């Protein structure tokens, strides 16, 4: 199924506070993007949503906004590998 979207990226955000901050400032107005958060470690539903979005729009890069520590790396790997 072809989906039309003008997003420049899908942003996966670790922290809910960061997600809320970007949403309140309407980041998508200045940087067309899709914001996703699981409020920490990703649950199955959030991982499936990301997978469906990426399969529907494979040319849009998925970028992670996480802490630069082992837990942040673990979150990125969980999104990537399941």
N, C-alpha and C. Protein backbone atom coordinates (compact mmCIF):
# COMPACT_ATOMS: atom_id res chain seq x y z
N UNK A 1 0.84 -1.18 0.00
CA UNK A 1 0.00 0.00 0.00
C UNK A 1 0.89 1.24 0.00
N UNK A 2 0.60 2.18 -0.86
CA UNK A 2 1.37 3.41 -0.97
C UNK A 2 0.76 4.47 -0.06
N UNK A 3 1.62 5.10 0.72
CA UNK A 3 1.18 6.14 1.64
C UNK A 3 1.89 7.43 1.27
N UNK A 4 1.14 8.51 1.12
CA UNK A 4 1.74 9.81 0.83
C UNK A 4 2.07 10.49 2.16
N UNK A 5 3.30 10.96 2.26
CA UNK A 5 3.73 11.61 3.49
C UNK A 5 4.86 12.57 3.15
N UNK A 6 4.83 13.76 3.72
CA UNK A 6 5.89 14.73 3.47
C UNK A 6 6.89 14.80 4.62
N UNK A 7 6.87 13.82 5.51
CA UNK A 7 7.80 13.80 6.65
C UNK A 7 9.23 13.59 6.16
N UNK A 8 10.15 14.29 6.79
CA UNK A 8 11.57 14.12 6.47
C UNK A 8 12.18 12.98 7.28
N UNK A 9 11.53 12.62 8.40
CA UNK A 9 12.06 11.55 9.25
C UNK A 9 10.98 11.08 10.22
N UNK A 10 11.19 9.88 10.74
CA UNK A 10 10.41 9.37 11.85
C UNK A 10 11.33 9.45 13.06
N UNK A 11 10.93 10.21 14.07
CA UNK A 11 11.76 10.38 15.26
C UNK A 11 11.22 9.50 16.38
N UNK A 12 12.04 8.58 16.85
CA UNK A 12 11.71 7.72 17.98
C UNK A 12 12.38 8.33 19.20
N UNK A 13 11.58 8.79 20.15
CA UNK A 13 12.07 9.56 21.28
C UNK A 13 11.93 8.75 22.56
N UNK A 14 13.04 8.59 23.27
CA UNK A 14 13.05 7.78 24.50
C UNK A 14 12.22 8.40 25.61
N UNK A 15 12.46 9.64 25.92
CA UNK A 15 11.86 10.29 27.09
C UNK A 15 10.53 10.96 26.76
N UNK A 16 9.53 10.71 27.59
CA UNK A 16 8.23 11.34 27.38
C UNK A 16 8.33 12.85 27.53
N UNK A 17 9.16 13.33 28.45
CA UNK A 17 9.31 14.78 28.64
C UNK A 17 9.85 15.44 27.38
N UNK A 18 10.80 14.80 26.73
CA UNK A 18 11.35 15.32 25.47
C UNK A 18 10.28 15.30 24.39
N UNK A 19 9.53 14.21 24.33
CA UNK A 19 8.43 14.10 23.36
C UNK A 19 7.43 15.23 23.57
N UNK A 20 7.01 15.45 24.81
CA UNK A 20 6.03 16.51 25.12
C UNK A 20 6.58 17.88 24.76
N UNK A 21 7.85 18.12 25.05
CA UNK A 21 8.50 19.39 24.74
C UNK A 21 8.46 19.66 23.23
N UNK A 22 8.83 18.66 22.44
CA UNK A 22 8.84 18.82 20.98
C UNK A 22 7.42 18.96 20.43
N UNK A 23 6.48 18.23 21.01
CA UNK A 23 5.09 18.30 20.55
C UNK A 23 4.48 19.67 20.88
N UNK A 24 4.75 20.19 22.08
CA UNK A 24 4.23 21.50 22.47
C UNK A 24 4.75 22.61 21.56
N UNK A 25 5.97 22.45 21.09
CA UNK A 25 6.57 23.44 20.19
C UNK A 25 6.31 23.14 18.72
N UNK A 26 5.49 22.12 18.48
CA UNK A 26 5.08 21.75 17.12
C UNK A 26 6.28 21.60 16.19
N UNK A 27 7.19 20.74 16.55
CA UNK A 27 8.40 20.49 15.78
C UNK A 27 8.09 20.23 14.31
N UNK A 28 7.01 19.52 14.05
CA UNK A 28 6.66 19.15 12.68
C UNK A 28 6.39 20.34 11.78
N UNK A 29 6.12 21.52 12.35
CA UNK A 29 5.93 22.71 11.51
C UNK A 29 7.25 23.18 10.88
N UNK A 30 8.35 23.04 11.62
CA UNK A 30 9.66 23.48 11.10
C UNK A 30 10.47 22.31 10.53
N UNK A 31 10.21 21.11 11.00
CA UNK A 31 10.90 19.91 10.53
C UNK A 31 9.84 18.83 10.34
N UNK A 32 9.32 18.68 9.12
CA UNK A 32 8.26 17.70 8.89
C UNK A 32 8.70 16.31 9.38
N UNK A 33 8.02 15.81 10.38
CA UNK A 33 8.43 14.54 10.98
C UNK A 33 7.26 13.87 11.67
N UNK A 34 7.45 12.60 11.95
CA UNK A 34 6.50 11.81 12.73
C UNK A 34 7.19 11.52 14.05
N UNK A 35 6.55 11.89 15.16
CA UNK A 35 7.13 11.68 16.48
C UNK A 35 6.50 10.45 17.13
N UNK A 36 7.35 9.59 17.69
CA UNK A 36 6.88 8.38 18.38
C UNK A 36 7.64 8.26 19.69
N UNK A 37 6.93 7.88 20.75
CA UNK A 37 7.60 7.55 22.00
C UNK A 37 6.91 6.36 22.65
N UNK A 38 7.68 5.57 23.38
CA UNK A 38 7.13 4.50 24.19
C UNK A 38 7.32 4.81 25.67
N UNK A 39 7.78 6.03 25.96
CA UNK A 39 8.02 6.48 27.33
C UNK A 39 9.04 5.59 28.03
N UNK A 40 10.15 5.39 27.38
CA UNK A 40 11.19 4.54 27.94
C UNK A 40 11.38 3.31 27.08
N UNK A 41 11.44 2.15 27.72
CA UNK A 41 11.68 0.91 26.97
C UNK A 41 10.48 0.61 26.08
N UNK A 42 10.71 0.30 24.79
CA UNK A 42 9.61 0.15 23.84
C UNK A 42 8.76 -1.09 24.09
N UNK A 43 7.45 -0.89 24.07
CA UNK A 43 6.54 -2.02 24.18
C UNK A 43 6.27 -2.60 22.79
N UNK A 44 5.58 -3.72 22.75
CA UNK A 44 5.34 -4.42 21.49
C UNK A 44 4.49 -3.56 20.54
N UNK A 45 3.47 -2.89 21.06
CA UNK A 45 2.59 -2.09 20.21
C UNK A 45 3.35 -0.95 19.53
N UNK A 46 4.23 -0.28 20.27
CA UNK A 46 5.00 0.82 19.69
C UNK A 46 5.98 0.30 18.65
N UNK A 47 6.61 -0.84 18.93
CA UNK A 47 7.53 -1.43 17.95
C UNK A 47 6.79 -1.83 16.68
N UNK A 48 5.59 -2.37 16.83
CA UNK A 48 4.79 -2.76 15.65
C UNK A 48 4.36 -1.53 14.86
N UNK A 49 3.97 -0.46 15.55
CA UNK A 49 3.61 0.79 14.85
C UNK A 49 4.78 1.30 14.04
N UNK A 50 5.96 1.32 14.64
CA UNK A 50 7.14 1.78 13.93
C UNK A 50 7.43 0.90 12.72
N UNK A 51 7.29 -0.39 12.89
CA UNK A 51 7.54 -1.32 11.78
C UNK A 51 6.55 -1.07 10.63
N UNK A 52 5.28 -0.90 10.94
CA UNK A 52 4.26 -0.64 9.91
C UNK A 52 4.57 0.66 9.19
N UNK A 53 4.92 1.71 9.94
CA UNK A 53 5.25 3.00 9.32
C UNK A 53 6.47 2.87 8.41
N UNK A 54 7.49 2.19 8.89
CA UNK A 54 8.71 2.04 8.10
C UNK A 54 8.47 1.20 6.85
N UNK A 55 7.68 0.16 6.95
CA UNK A 55 7.37 -0.66 5.77
C UNK A 55 6.51 0.11 4.77
N UNK A 56 5.63 0.97 5.25
CA UNK A 56 4.78 1.75 4.36
C UNK A 56 5.54 2.89 3.70
N UNK A 57 6.57 3.39 4.39
CA UNK A 57 7.34 4.54 3.89
C UNK A 57 8.83 4.26 4.05
N UNK A 58 9.39 3.30 3.31
CA UNK A 58 10.78 2.88 3.54
C UNK A 58 11.83 3.94 3.23
N UNK A 59 11.49 4.95 2.48
CA UNK A 59 12.48 5.98 2.14
C UNK A 59 12.65 7.03 3.23
N UNK A 60 11.74 7.04 4.19
CA UNK A 60 11.84 8.01 5.28
C UNK A 60 12.72 7.40 6.37
N UNK A 61 13.82 8.07 6.74
CA UNK A 61 14.72 7.51 7.76
C UNK A 61 14.08 7.51 9.14
N UNK A 62 14.45 6.51 9.92
CA UNK A 62 14.02 6.42 11.31
C UNK A 62 15.21 6.84 12.17
N UNK A 63 15.01 7.89 12.98
CA UNK A 63 16.08 8.42 13.82
C UNK A 63 15.72 8.26 15.29
N UNK A 64 16.69 7.87 16.09
CA UNK A 64 16.46 7.69 17.52
C UNK A 64 16.99 8.86 18.31
N UNK A 65 16.20 9.34 19.26
CA UNK A 65 16.62 10.39 20.18
C UNK A 65 16.58 9.75 21.57
N UNK A 66 17.75 9.26 22.00
CA UNK A 66 17.85 8.54 23.27
C UNK A 66 19.04 9.06 24.06
N UNK A 67 19.09 8.68 25.34
CA UNK A 67 20.25 9.01 26.16
C UNK A 67 21.47 8.27 25.63
N UNK A 68 22.64 8.92 25.76
CA UNK A 68 23.89 8.30 25.34
C UNK A 68 24.45 7.50 26.50
N UNK A 69 23.83 6.35 26.74
CA UNK A 69 24.26 5.45 27.80
C UNK A 69 23.83 4.03 27.40
N UNK A 70 24.21 3.02 28.16
CA UNK A 70 23.84 1.65 27.78
C UNK A 70 22.33 1.43 27.64
N UNK A 71 21.54 2.05 28.49
CA UNK A 71 20.09 1.89 28.39
C UNK A 71 19.56 2.47 27.08
N UNK A 72 20.07 3.64 26.67
CA UNK A 72 19.66 4.24 25.41
C UNK A 72 20.03 3.36 24.23
N UNK A 73 21.23 2.79 24.27
CA UNK A 73 21.65 1.87 23.21
C UNK A 73 20.75 0.64 23.19
N UNK A 74 20.38 0.15 24.36
CA UNK A 74 19.48 -1.00 24.45
C UNK A 74 18.12 -0.70 23.84
N UNK A 75 17.64 0.50 24.06
CA UNK A 75 16.35 0.91 23.48
C UNK A 75 16.44 0.93 21.96
N UNK A 76 17.50 1.53 21.43
CA UNK A 76 17.67 1.56 19.97
C UNK A 76 17.75 0.15 19.39
N UNK A 77 18.50 -0.73 20.05
CA UNK A 77 18.63 -2.10 19.56
C UNK A 77 17.30 -2.85 19.63
N UNK A 78 16.50 -2.56 20.65
CA UNK A 78 15.19 -3.21 20.75
C UNK A 78 14.28 -2.77 19.61
N UNK A 79 14.29 -1.49 19.29
CA UNK A 79 13.51 -1.03 18.13
C UNK A 79 14.01 -1.68 16.84
N UNK A 80 15.32 -1.78 16.70
CA UNK A 80 15.90 -2.30 15.48
C UNK A 80 15.72 -3.82 15.34
N UNK A 81 15.96 -4.54 16.42
CA UNK A 81 15.99 -6.00 16.33
C UNK A 81 14.78 -6.70 16.94
N UNK A 82 13.96 -5.94 17.65
CA UNK A 82 12.79 -6.56 18.26
C UNK A 82 13.04 -7.11 19.62
